[in-house]
Amino acid sequence: MTQEKKTRITIEIHNKSYTIVGNEAESHVRLVASLVDQKMKEIQNMNQNLDTASLAVLTAVNATSEYLKLKEEYASLLGSLKHERGQIKHG
C-alpha cells in the first residue's frame, strides 16, 4: 500500500499559529489560511464584541454558505452545458 507523503505547515489565523498536516500543496494551505483570516477580520470589524469561538462559528457559517452557493451555481452551469450539448447533437 502506497502512502502519499504528508506535509506539515504552520500557518497563522486570527493571531494564532496552527500546524496543518496533509497532502495539499503548501501554497494551497497558505491561501486557505489567508482567506479564513481575512474573513474573520471582516466579521470582527462588523462586531468588535465577538469572542473567538463565536467569530470562528460565524466565519464557518459564512464560508459554508458561500461554498453552497458556488456549488449550486456550478451544478446549474453544468446542467445548462449538458442541455446545450444535447440540443446540438439532436438539432
N, C-alpha and C. Protein backbone atom coordinates (compact mmCIF):
# COMPACT_ATOMS: atom_id res chain seq x y z
N MET A 1 0.85 -1.17 0.00
CA MET A 1 0.00 0.00 0.00
C MET A 1 0.90 1.24 0.00
N THR A 2 0.69 2.13 -0.96
CA THR A 2 1.48 3.36 -1.00
C THR A 2 0.78 4.46 -0.22
N GLN A 3 1.59 5.27 0.40
CA GLN A 3 1.04 6.37 1.19
C GLN A 3 1.69 7.66 0.73
N GLU A 4 0.86 8.64 0.40
CA GLU A 4 1.40 9.92 -0.02
C GLU A 4 2.13 10.57 1.15
N LYS A 5 3.20 11.29 0.81
CA LYS A 5 3.94 11.98 1.85
C LYS A 5 3.13 13.17 2.35
N LYS A 6 2.92 13.22 3.63
CA LYS A 6 2.17 14.32 4.23
C LYS A 6 3.13 15.47 4.52
N THR A 7 2.62 16.68 4.31
CA THR A 7 3.42 17.86 4.63
C THR A 7 2.90 18.50 5.91
N ARG A 8 3.78 19.17 6.60
CA ARG A 8 3.46 19.84 7.87
C ARG A 8 3.72 21.32 7.64
N ILE A 9 2.69 22.13 7.78
CA ILE A 9 2.78 23.56 7.51
C ILE A 9 2.23 24.32 8.70
N THR A 10 2.97 25.32 9.16
CA THR A 10 2.50 26.18 10.24
C THR A 10 1.94 27.45 9.63
N ILE A 11 0.70 27.74 9.96
CA ILE A 11 0.02 28.93 9.43
C ILE A 11 -0.50 29.76 10.61
N GLU A 12 -0.91 30.98 10.32
CA GLU A 12 -1.45 31.83 11.37
C GLU A 12 -2.82 32.33 10.95
N ILE A 13 -3.78 32.14 11.84
CA ILE A 13 -5.14 32.63 11.63
C ILE A 13 -5.57 33.33 12.91
N HIS A 14 -6.04 34.55 12.77
CA HIS A 14 -6.53 35.35 13.90
C HIS A 14 -5.49 35.40 15.02
N ASN A 15 -4.25 35.69 14.60
CA ASN A 15 -3.12 35.86 15.52
C ASN A 15 -2.79 34.62 16.34
N LYS A 16 -3.13 33.46 15.82
CA LYS A 16 -2.80 32.21 16.50
C LYS A 16 -2.20 31.25 15.48
N SER A 17 -1.15 30.55 15.88
CA SER A 17 -0.48 29.60 14.98
C SER A 17 -1.14 28.23 15.04
N TYR A 18 -1.24 27.60 13.88
CA TYR A 18 -1.79 26.25 13.76
C TYR A 18 -0.85 25.45 12.86
N THR A 19 -0.69 24.19 13.17
CA THR A 19 0.09 23.31 12.32
C THR A 19 -0.89 22.42 11.55
N ILE A 20 -0.79 22.48 10.24
CA ILE A 20 -1.67 21.71 9.37
C ILE A 20 -0.85 20.57 8.77
N VAL A 21 -1.37 19.36 8.87
CA VAL A 21 -0.71 18.20 8.30
C VAL A 21 -1.64 17.62 7.24
N GLY A 22 -1.12 17.45 6.03
CA GLY A 22 -1.96 16.91 4.96
C GLY A 22 -1.21 16.74 3.67
N ASN A 23 -1.97 16.42 2.62
CA ASN A 23 -1.40 16.15 1.31
C ASN A 23 -1.47 17.34 0.35
N GLU A 24 -2.15 18.40 0.76
CA GLU A 24 -2.29 19.56 -0.12
C GLU A 24 -0.97 20.31 -0.26
N ALA A 25 -0.82 21.01 -1.38
CA ALA A 25 0.36 21.83 -1.61
C ALA A 25 0.43 22.95 -0.58
N GLU A 26 1.62 23.32 -0.19
CA GLU A 26 1.79 24.37 0.80
C GLU A 26 1.12 25.66 0.35
N SER A 27 1.23 25.99 -0.92
CA SER A 27 0.61 27.23 -1.43
C SER A 27 -0.90 27.21 -1.25
N HIS A 28 -1.51 26.05 -1.43
CA HIS A 28 -2.96 25.91 -1.25
C HIS A 28 -3.35 26.13 0.22
N VAL A 29 -2.62 25.49 1.12
CA VAL A 29 -2.90 25.61 2.55
C VAL A 29 -2.74 27.06 3.00
N ARG A 30 -1.69 27.72 2.53
CA ARG A 30 -1.46 29.12 2.90
C ARG A 30 -2.55 30.03 2.35
N LEU A 31 -3.03 29.75 1.14
CA LEU A 31 -4.12 30.53 0.57
C LEU A 31 -5.40 30.35 1.38
N VAL A 32 -5.72 29.12 1.73
CA VAL A 32 -6.91 28.85 2.54
C VAL A 32 -6.81 29.58 3.88
N ALA A 33 -5.66 29.48 4.53
CA ALA A 33 -5.47 30.14 5.82
C ALA A 33 -5.63 31.65 5.68
N SER A 34 -5.09 32.20 4.62
CA SER A 34 -5.20 33.65 4.38
C SER A 34 -6.65 34.08 4.19
N LEU A 35 -7.40 33.29 3.45
CA LEU A 35 -8.82 33.61 3.21
C LEU A 35 -9.63 33.50 4.49
N VAL A 36 -9.36 32.49 5.30
CA VAL A 36 -10.06 32.34 6.59
C VAL A 36 -9.73 33.52 7.50
N ASP A 37 -8.46 33.88 7.57
CA ASP A 37 -8.04 35.01 8.40
C ASP A 37 -8.71 36.30 7.93
N GLN A 38 -8.75 36.49 6.62
CA GLN A 38 -9.39 37.69 6.05
C GLN A 38 -10.88 37.74 6.39
N LYS A 39 -11.57 36.60 6.26
CA LYS A 39 -13.00 36.54 6.56
C LYS A 39 -13.25 36.82 8.04
N MET A 40 -12.39 36.28 8.91
CA MET A 40 -12.55 36.53 10.34
C MET A 40 -12.37 38.02 10.65
N LYS A 41 -11.41 38.65 10.00
CA LYS A 41 -11.20 40.09 10.21
C LYS A 41 -12.40 40.90 9.75
N GLU A 42 -12.98 40.52 8.60
CA GLU A 42 -14.17 41.22 8.08
C GLU A 42 -15.32 41.12 9.07
N ILE A 43 -15.57 39.93 9.58
CA ILE A 43 -16.67 39.72 10.51
C ILE A 43 -16.41 40.44 11.83
N GLN A 44 -15.16 40.38 12.30
CA GLN A 44 -14.82 41.05 13.55
C GLN A 44 -14.96 42.57 13.42
N ASN A 45 -14.64 43.11 12.26
CA ASN A 45 -14.79 44.55 12.04
C ASN A 45 -16.25 44.99 12.12
N MET A 46 -17.18 44.08 11.81
CA MET A 46 -18.60 44.39 11.89
C MET A 46 -19.13 44.27 13.31
N ASN A 47 -18.46 43.44 14.14
CA ASN A 47 -18.89 43.26 15.53
C ASN A 47 -17.68 43.02 16.41
N GLN A 48 -17.18 44.08 17.00
CA GLN A 48 -15.96 44.01 17.82
C GLN A 48 -16.14 43.19 19.09
N ASN A 49 -17.37 42.93 19.52
CA ASN A 49 -17.62 42.26 20.79
C ASN A 49 -17.65 40.73 20.70
N LEU A 50 -17.45 40.17 19.52
CA LEU A 50 -17.50 38.72 19.38
C LEU A 50 -16.28 38.07 20.03
N ASP A 51 -16.53 36.99 20.79
CA ASP A 51 -15.40 36.22 21.29
C ASP A 51 -14.88 35.33 20.16
N THR A 52 -13.71 34.75 20.35
CA THR A 52 -13.07 33.98 19.29
C THR A 52 -13.92 32.81 18.81
N ALA A 53 -14.57 32.11 19.74
CA ALA A 53 -15.40 30.95 19.36
C ALA A 53 -16.57 31.40 18.49
N SER A 54 -17.26 32.47 18.89
CA SER A 54 -18.39 32.97 18.09
C SER A 54 -17.92 33.46 16.73
N LEU A 55 -16.77 34.12 16.72
CA LEU A 55 -16.20 34.60 15.47
C LEU A 55 -15.87 33.43 14.53
N ALA A 56 -15.30 32.37 15.10
CA ALA A 56 -14.97 31.19 14.30
C ALA A 56 -16.23 30.53 13.73
N VAL A 57 -17.28 30.43 14.55
CA VAL A 57 -18.53 29.82 14.08
C VAL A 57 -19.16 30.66 12.97
N LEU A 58 -19.20 31.97 13.15
CA LEU A 58 -19.76 32.84 12.11
C LEU A 58 -18.95 32.77 10.83
N THR A 59 -17.64 32.67 10.97
CA THR A 59 -16.78 32.53 9.79
C THR A 59 -17.08 31.22 9.07
N ALA A 60 -17.23 30.15 9.82
CA ALA A 60 -17.56 28.85 9.22
C ALA A 60 -18.92 28.88 8.53
N VAL A 61 -19.91 29.51 9.16
CA VAL A 61 -21.24 29.62 8.58
C VAL A 61 -21.18 30.41 7.27
N ASN A 62 -20.48 31.54 7.28
CA ASN A 62 -20.35 32.36 6.08
C ASN A 62 -19.62 31.61 4.97
N ALA A 63 -18.53 30.94 5.30
CA ALA A 63 -17.76 30.20 4.29
C ALA A 63 -18.58 29.06 3.70
N THR A 64 -19.31 28.35 4.56
CA THR A 64 -20.14 27.25 4.08
C THR A 64 -21.27 27.75 3.19
N SER A 65 -21.86 28.87 3.55
CA SER A 65 -22.92 29.47 2.74
C SER A 65 -22.38 29.84 1.35
N GLU A 66 -21.20 30.47 1.32
CA GLU A 66 -20.59 30.84 0.04
C GLU A 66 -20.28 29.59 -0.78
N TYR A 67 -19.77 28.55 -0.12
CA TYR A 67 -19.46 27.30 -0.80
C TYR A 67 -20.71 26.68 -1.43
N LEU A 68 -21.80 26.63 -0.67
CA LEU A 68 -23.04 26.03 -1.19
C LEU A 68 -23.60 26.83 -2.36
N LYS A 69 -23.52 28.16 -2.29
CA LYS A 69 -23.98 28.99 -3.41
C LYS A 69 -23.16 28.70 -4.66
N LEU A 70 -21.84 28.62 -4.51
CA LEU A 70 -20.98 28.31 -5.65
C LEU A 70 -21.25 26.92 -6.20
N LYS A 71 -21.50 25.97 -5.31
CA LYS A 71 -21.80 24.60 -5.73
C LYS A 71 -23.10 24.55 -6.53
N GLU A 72 -24.10 25.30 -6.07
CA GLU A 72 -25.38 25.36 -6.79
C GLU A 72 -25.20 26.02 -8.16
N GLU A 73 -24.41 27.10 -8.21
CA GLU A 73 -24.14 27.78 -9.49
C GLU A 73 -23.43 26.83 -10.45
N TYR A 74 -22.45 26.09 -9.92
CA TYR A 74 -21.71 25.14 -10.72
C TYR A 74 -22.64 24.06 -11.29
N ALA A 75 -23.51 23.52 -10.44
CA ALA A 75 -24.45 22.48 -10.90
C ALA A 75 -25.39 23.04 -11.97
N SER A 76 -25.82 24.29 -11.78
CA SER A 76 -26.70 24.92 -12.76
C SER A 76 -25.98 25.12 -14.09
N LEU A 77 -24.75 25.60 -14.03
CA LEU A 77 -23.96 25.79 -15.26
C LEU A 77 -23.69 24.47 -15.95
N LEU A 78 -23.39 23.45 -15.17
CA LEU A 78 -23.15 22.12 -15.73
C LEU A 78 -24.41 21.60 -16.42
N GLY A 79 -25.56 21.81 -15.77
CA GLY A 79 -26.83 21.40 -16.37
C GLY A 79 -27.11 22.14 -17.67
N SER A 80 -26.83 23.44 -17.69
CA SER A 80 -27.02 24.24 -18.90
C SER A 80 -26.11 23.75 -20.02
N LEU A 81 -24.88 23.44 -19.68
CA LEU A 81 -23.92 22.96 -20.67
C LEU A 81 -24.36 21.62 -21.25
N LYS A 82 -24.81 20.72 -20.38
CA LYS A 82 -25.29 19.42 -20.86
C LYS A 82 -26.52 19.58 -21.74
N HIS A 83 -27.40 20.52 -21.36
CA HIS A 83 -28.59 20.78 -22.14
C HIS A 83 -28.22 21.31 -23.53
N GLU A 84 -27.29 22.24 -23.58
CA GLU A 84 -26.84 22.81 -24.85
C GLU A 84 -26.20 21.74 -25.73
N ARG A 85 -25.37 20.90 -25.16
CA ARG A 85 -24.73 19.83 -25.91
C ARG A 85 -25.78 18.86 -26.45
N GLY A 86 -26.80 18.59 -25.66
CA GLY A 86 -27.87 17.70 -26.10
C GLY A 86 -28.64 18.28 -27.27
N GLN A 87 -28.88 19.61 -27.26
CA GLN A 87 -29.58 20.28 -28.36
C GLN A 87 -28.75 20.27 -29.61
N ILE A 88 -27.44 20.43 -29.50
CA ILE A 88 -26.56 20.45 -30.67
C ILE A 88 -26.55 19.08 -31.33
N LYS A 89 -26.50 18.02 -30.53
CA LYS A 89 -26.47 16.67 -31.08
C LYS A 89 -27.78 16.31 -31.78
N HIS A 90 -28.90 16.79 -31.22
CA HIS A 90 -30.20 16.44 -31.78
C HIS A 90 -30.69 17.47 -32.78
N GLY A 91 -30.07 18.65 -32.84
CA GLY A 91 -30.55 19.74 -33.66
C GLY A 91 -30.15 19.71 -35.05
